[in-house]
Amino acid sequence: MTAQPGSLPALPACARPADVRIEVYGGDSLDASVYVCRQHVTLSAAALDAYGWRAEPAAVRPLVTRPCGYAYRYPTGRLADLAHPHWCDRRGCLDRHRHRSLRLPVTSGRPEASIAEVSLSQGLTAGLEPVIALAVADAGNHEVTLSLGQGRVLSYQVRRLLDLTSRRRGR
């Protein structure tokens, strides 16, 4: 059976602290991590295998606490929410009528005259291209000026966002 895009089988979830992280692969990509207690490792791995996913148990990293049955779907994998671009932070899209990436600060690490953040933004209508959004808070000036340091950081952050748009889901 081929891994089914967007779906996982029903997995045990007893809510005890997870001892094992099961990496879920569909082909060569890491698509999800499922956290389970020791008692449910074999049953969960078998269910994932029967559904067409490759399950590879691994230790839970120190300081990571998850309940048995918790699943994290990687936004670039085959289990991603296809209603959102892979770069979308998935919070508040419907309220603002736009997808938006995390806002990245544009700061040189020194006090600045204005506070600036840059992000990707895209309307919810299918087929719209993402745009670069620059949010700036200043002392009420109509003209926004950025220091050379902020301009340099802005160029790095914009390149980072542009790199995100060139990656495709599942790669």
C-alpha atoms as a PDB file:
ATOM      1  CA  MET A   1       0.000   0.000   0.000  1.00  0.00           C
ATOM      2  CA  THR A   2       1.262   3.503  -0.843  1.00  0.00           C
ATOM      3  CA  ALA A   3       1.392   6.125   1.914  1.00  0.00           C
ATOM      4  CA  GLN A   4      -1.846   8.093   1.834  1.00  0.00           C
ATOM      5  CA  PRO A   5      -1.220  11.858   1.522  1.00  0.00           C
ATOM      6  CA  GLY A   6      -2.763  13.840   4.350  1.00  0.00           C
ATOM      7  CA  SER A   7      -3.811  10.929   6.534  1.00  0.00           C
ATOM      8  CA  LEU A   8      -2.551   8.847   9.415  1.00  0.00           C
ATOM      9  CA  PRO A   9      -4.276   5.773  10.831  1.00  0.00           C
ATOM     10  CA  ALA A  10      -6.019   5.927  14.193  1.00  0.00           C
ATOM     11  CA  LEU A  11      -3.245   5.511  16.750  1.00  0.00           C
ATOM     12  CA  PRO A  12      -3.362   4.622  20.442  1.00  0.00           C
ATOM     13  CA  ALA A  13      -3.500   7.641  22.737  1.00  0.00           C
ATOM     14  CA  CYS A  14      -3.458   6.882  26.435  1.00  0.00           C
ATOM     15  CA  ALA A  15      -2.164  10.380  27.380  1.00  0.00           C
ATOM     16  CA  ARG A  16       0.703   8.982  29.492  1.00  0.00           C
ATOM     17  CA  PRO A  17       4.043  10.710  28.922  1.00  0.00           C
ATOM     18  CA  ALA A  18       5.630   9.586  25.649  1.00  0.00           C
ATOM     19  CA  ASP A  19       8.888   7.635  25.877  1.00  0.00           C
ATOM     20  CA  VAL A  20       9.376   7.066  22.146  1.00  0.00           C
ATOM     21  CA  ARG A  21       9.165   9.296  19.072  1.00  0.00           C
ATOM     22  CA  ILE A  22       8.224   7.413  15.921  1.00  0.00           C
ATOM     23  CA  GLU A  23       9.507   9.119  12.796  1.00  0.00           C
ATOM     24  CA  VAL A  24       6.968   8.668   9.994  1.00  0.00           C
ATOM     25  CA  TYR A  25       8.352   8.512   6.452  1.00  0.00           C
ATOM     26  CA  GLY A  26       6.550   8.366   3.119  1.00  0.00           C
ATOM     27  CA  GLY A  27       9.370   7.630   0.703  1.00  0.00           C
ATOM     28  CA  ASP A  28      12.501   9.615   1.526  1.00  0.00           C
ATOM     29  CA  SER A  29      10.875  12.507   3.390  1.00  0.00           C
ATOM     30  CA  LEU A  30      10.219  12.793   7.120  1.00  0.00           C
ATOM     31  CA  ASP A  31       6.506  13.566   7.173  1.00  0.00           C
ATOM     32  CA  ALA A  32       5.570  13.380  10.863  1.00  0.00           C
ATOM     33  CA  SER A  33       6.678  12.484  14.354  1.00  0.00           C
ATOM     34  CA  VAL A  34       4.314  10.440  16.508  1.00  0.00           C
ATOM     35  CA  TYR A  35       4.939  10.313  20.249  1.00  0.00           C
ATOM     36  CA  VAL A  36       3.920   7.187  22.187  1.00  0.00           C
ATOM     37  CA  CYS A  37       4.525   5.468  25.506  1.00  0.00           C
ATOM     38  CA  ARG A  38       6.573   2.226  25.489  1.00  0.00           C
ATOM     39  CA  GLN A  39       3.388   0.161  25.692  1.00  0.00           C
ATOM     40  CA  HIS A  40       2.095   1.493  22.342  1.00  0.00           C
ATOM     41  CA  VAL A  41       5.266   1.454  20.195  1.00  0.00           C
ATOM     42  CA  THR A  42       4.646  -1.894  18.476  1.00  0.00           C
ATOM     43  CA  LEU A  43       0.925  -1.277  17.903  1.00  0.00           C
ATOM     44  CA  SER A  44       1.534   2.242  16.522  1.00  0.00           C
ATOM     45  CA  ALA A  45       4.383   1.136  14.235  1.00  0.00           C
ATOM     46  CA  ALA A  46       2.242  -1.723  12.880  1.00  0.00           C
ATOM     47  CA  ALA A  47      -0.700   0.619  12.223  1.00  0.00           C
ATOM     48  CA  LEU A  48       1.545   3.094  10.400  1.00  0.00           C
ATOM     49  CA  ASP A  49       3.109   0.295   8.351  1.00  0.00           C
ATOM     50  CA  ALA A  50      -0.329  -1.076   7.394  1.00  0.00           C
ATOM     51  CA  TYR A  51      -1.292   2.433   6.228  1.00  0.00           C
ATOM     52  CA  GLY A  52       1.747   2.615   3.940  1.00  0.00           C
ATOM     53  CA  TRP A  53       4.048   4.723   6.107  1.00  0.00           C
ATOM     54  CA  ARG A  54       7.535   3.677   7.213  1.00  0.00           C
ATOM     55  CA  ALA A  55       7.843   3.941  11.004  1.00  0.00           C
ATOM     56  CA  GLU A  56      11.237   4.357  12.662  1.00  0.00           C
ATOM     57  CA  PRO A  57      11.219   4.545  16.486  1.00  0.00           C
ATOM     58  CA  ALA A  58      13.689   6.962  18.088  1.00  0.00           C
ATOM     59  CA  ALA A  59      14.272   8.286  21.573  1.00  0.00           C
ATOM     60  CA  VAL A  60      12.338  11.335  22.732  1.00  0.00           C
ATOM     61  CA  ARG A  61      14.783  14.220  22.983  1.00  0.00           C
ATOM     62  CA  PRO A  62      15.606  15.517  26.470  1.00  0.00           C
ATOM     63  CA  LEU A  63      13.267  18.237  27.754  1.00  0.00           C
ATOM     64  CA  VAL A  64      10.604  17.318  25.167  1.00  0.00           C
ATOM     65  CA  THR A  65       7.352  16.311  26.843  1.00  0.00           C
ATOM     66  CA  ARG A  66       4.468  15.004  24.766  1.00  0.00           C
ATOM     67  CA  PRO A  67       1.522  12.771  25.672  1.00  0.00           C
ATOM     68  CA  CYS A  68       1.132   9.338  24.135  1.00  0.00           C
ATOM     69  CA  GLY A  69      -0.725   9.733  20.852  1.00  0.00           C
ATOM     70  CA  TYR A  70       0.538  13.235  19.996  1.00  0.00           C
ATOM     71  CA  ALA A  71       1.402  13.612  16.292  1.00  0.00           C
ATOM     72  CA  TYR A  72       3.320  16.471  14.696  1.00  0.00           C
ATOM     73  CA  ARG A  73       2.918  16.807  10.918  1.00  0.00           C
ATOM     74  CA  TYR A  74       5.826  18.559   9.238  1.00  0.00           C
ATOM     75  CA  PRO A  75       4.531  21.431   7.078  1.00  0.00           C
ATOM     76  CA  THR A  76       6.706  20.376   4.117  1.00  0.00           C
ATOM     77  CA  GLY A  77       5.714  16.699   4.148  1.00  0.00           C
ATOM     78  CA  ARG A  78       2.958  14.607   2.600  1.00  0.00           C
ATOM     79  CA  LEU A  79       0.841  14.995   5.741  1.00  0.00           C
ATOM     80  CA  ALA A  80       0.854  18.792   5.553  1.00  0.00           C
ATOM     81  CA  ASP A  81      -2.357  20.788   5.586  1.00  0.00           C
ATOM     82  CA  LEU A  82      -2.748  21.462   1.865  1.00  0.00           C
ATOM     83  CA  ALA A  83      -5.052  24.426   2.561  1.00  0.00           C
ATOM     84  CA  HIS A  84      -1.986  26.414   3.699  1.00  0.00           C
ATOM     85  CA  PRO A  85       1.291  27.166   1.931  1.00  0.00           C
ATOM     86  CA  HIS A  86       4.147  25.294   3.598  1.00  0.00           C
ATOM     87  CA  TRP A  87       5.536  28.567   5.001  1.00  0.00           C
ATOM     88  CA  CYS A  88       2.240  29.684   6.619  1.00  0.00           C
ATOM     89  CA  ASP A  89       2.208  29.857  10.433  1.00  0.00           C
ATOM     90  CA  ARG A  90      -1.481  28.710  10.313  1.00  0.00           C
ATOM     91  CA  ARG A  91      -2.700  31.090  13.035  1.00  0.00           C
ATOM     92  CA  GLY A  92      -5.311  33.699  12.217  1.00  0.00           C
ATOM     93  CA  CYS A  93      -5.479  33.149   8.449  1.00  0.00           C
ATOM     94  CA  LEU A  94      -9.267  33.307   8.299  1.00  0.00           C
ATOM     95  CA  ASP A  95      -9.462  36.385  10.557  1.00  0.00           C
ATOM     96  CA  ARG A  96      -7.020  38.441   8.478  1.00  0.00           C
ATOM     97  CA  HIS A  97      -8.092  36.845   5.145  1.00  0.00           C
ATOM     98  CA  ARG A  98      -4.463  36.071   4.375  1.00  0.00           C
ATOM     99  CA  HIS A  99      -1.796  33.446   4.924  1.00  0.00           C
ATOM    100  CA  ARG A 100       1.257  34.852   6.680  1.00  0.00           C
ATOM    101  CA  SER A 101       4.643  33.431   7.547  1.00  0.00           C
ATOM    102  CA  LEU A 102       6.299  34.086  10.854  1.00  0.00           C
ATOM    103  CA  ARG A 103       7.315  37.727  11.114  1.00  0.00           C
ATOM    104  CA  LEU A 104      11.090  38.089  11.009  1.00  0.00           C
ATOM    105  CA  PRO A 105      12.626  41.052  12.823  1.00  0.00           C
ATOM    106  CA  VAL A 106      14.667  43.572  10.845  1.00  0.00           C
ATOM    107  CA  THR A 107      17.126  44.734  13.479  1.00  0.00           C
ATOM    108  CA  SER A 108      20.827  45.394  13.519  1.00  0.00           C
ATOM    109  CA  GLY A 109      21.028  44.696  17.260  1.00  0.00           C
ATOM    110  CA  ARG A 110      21.349  48.382  18.143  1.00  0.00           C
ATOM    111  CA  PRO A 111      18.656  50.930  19.111  1.00  0.00           C
ATOM    112  CA  GLU A 112      16.793  52.019  15.980  1.00  0.00           C
ATOM    113  CA  ALA A 113      14.396  54.840  15.078  1.00  0.00           C
ATOM    114  CA  SER A 114      11.787  52.357  13.898  1.00  0.00           C
ATOM    115  CA  ILE A 115      10.797  48.773  14.543  1.00  0.00           C
ATOM    116  CA  ALA A 116      10.469  46.661  11.406  1.00  0.00           C
ATOM    117  CA  GLU A 117       9.412  43.101  10.654  1.00  0.00           C
ATOM    118  CA  VAL A 118       9.184  41.292   7.335  1.00  0.00           C
ATOM    119  CA  SER A 119       7.031  38.313   6.388  1.00  0.00           C
ATOM    120  CA  LEU A 120       5.448  36.474   3.477  1.00  0.00           C
ATOM    121  CA  SER A 121       1.761  37.140   2.906  1.00  0.00           C
ATOM    122  CA  GLN A 122      -0.733  35.649   0.465  1.00  0.00           C
ATOM    123  CA  GLY A 123      -4.475  36.096  -0.028  1.00  0.00           C
ATOM    124  CA  LEU A 124      -6.712  33.076   0.570  1.00  0.00           C
ATOM    125  CA  THR A 125      -7.959  33.039  -3.038  1.00  0.00           C
ATOM    126  CA  ALA A 126      -6.422  30.191  -5.032  1.00  0.00           C
ATOM    127  CA  GLY A 127      -3.741  31.161  -7.535  1.00  0.00           C
ATOM    128  CA  LEU A 128      -2.521  34.328  -5.808  1.00  0.00           C
ATOM    129  CA  GLU A 129       1.243  34.766  -5.535  1.00  0.00           C
ATOM    130  CA  PRO A 130       2.853  35.471  -2.159  1.00  0.00           C
ATOM    131  CA  VAL A 131       4.165  38.975  -1.464  1.00  0.00           C
ATOM    132  CA  ILE A 132       6.768  40.373   0.942  1.00  0.00           C
ATOM    133  CA  ALA A 133       5.074  42.303   3.770  1.00  0.00           C
ATOM    134  CA  LEU A 134       7.080  44.938   5.647  1.00  0.00           C
ATOM    135  CA  ALA A 135       5.485  46.060   8.921  1.00  0.00           C
ATOM    136  CA  VAL A 136       7.043  49.169  10.398  1.00  0.00           C
ATOM    137  CA  ALA A 137       6.252  51.002  13.626  1.00  0.00           C
ATOM    138  CA  ASP A 138       7.826  54.415  13.987  1.00  0.00           C
ATOM    139  CA  ALA A 139       7.177  57.760  15.709  1.00  0.00           C
ATOM    140  CA  GLY A 140       4.414  58.716  13.281  1.00  0.00           C
ATOM    141  CA  ASN A 141       6.672  59.637  10.345  1.00  0.00           C
ATOM    142  CA  HIS A 142       5.137  59.174   6.934  1.00  0.00           C
ATOM    143  CA  GLU A 143       8.491  58.291   5.456  1.00  0.00           C
ATOM    144  CA  VAL A 144      10.048  55.197   6.945  1.00  0.00           C
ATOM    145  CA  THR A 145      13.827  55.182   7.057  1.00  0.00           C
ATOM    146  CA  LEU A 146      15.907  52.189   7.954  1.00  0.00           C
ATOM    147  CA  SER A 147      19.530  52.337   9.065  1.00  0.00           C
ATOM    148  CA  LEU A 148      22.153  50.737   6.837  1.00  0.00           C
ATOM    149  CA  GLY A 149      22.335  47.927   9.399  1.00  0.00           C
ATOM    150  CA  GLN A 150      18.576  47.378   9.206  1.00  0.00           C
ATOM    151  CA  GLY A 151      18.753  47.526   5.400  1.00  0.00           C
ATOM    152  CA  ARG A 152      21.420  44.821   5.417  1.00  0.00           C
ATOM    153  CA  VAL A 153      19.360  42.614   7.751  1.00  0.00           C
ATOM    154  CA  LEU A 154      16.233  43.313   5.680  1.00  0.00           C
ATOM    155  CA  SER A 155      18.013  42.004   2.582  1.00  0.00           C
ATOM    156  CA  TYR A 156      19.001  38.809   4.452  1.00  0.00           C
ATOM    157  CA  GLN A 157      15.463  38.282   5.732  1.00  0.00           C
ATOM    158  CA  VAL A 158      13.929  38.941   2.304  1.00  0.00           C
ATOM    159  CA  ARG A 159      16.344  36.417   0.736  1.00  0.00           C
ATOM    160  CA  ARG A 160      15.318  33.905   3.408  1.00  0.00           C
ATOM    161  CA  LEU A 161      11.640  34.431   2.574  1.00  0.00           C
ATOM    162  CA  LEU A 162      12.316  34.226  -1.163  1.00  0.00           C
ATOM    163  CA  ASP A 163      14.119  30.914  -0.570  1.00  0.00           C
ATOM    164  CA  LEU A 164      10.983  29.624   1.169  1.00  0.00           C
ATOM    165  CA  THR A 165       8.859  30.372  -1.894  1.00  0.00           C
ATOM    166  CA  SER A 166      11.190  28.406  -4.168  1.00  0.00           C
ATOM    167  CA  ARG A 167      10.935  25.222  -2.073  1.00  0.00           C
ATOM    168  CA  ARG A 168       8.109  22.917  -2.921  1.00  0.00           C
ATOM    169  CA  ARG A 169       6.001  20.931  -0.460  1.00  0.00           C
ATOM    170  CA  GLY A 170       7.423  17.464   0.205  1.00  0.00           C
ATOM    171  CA  ARG A 171      11.005  18.274  -0.835  1.00  0.00           C
END
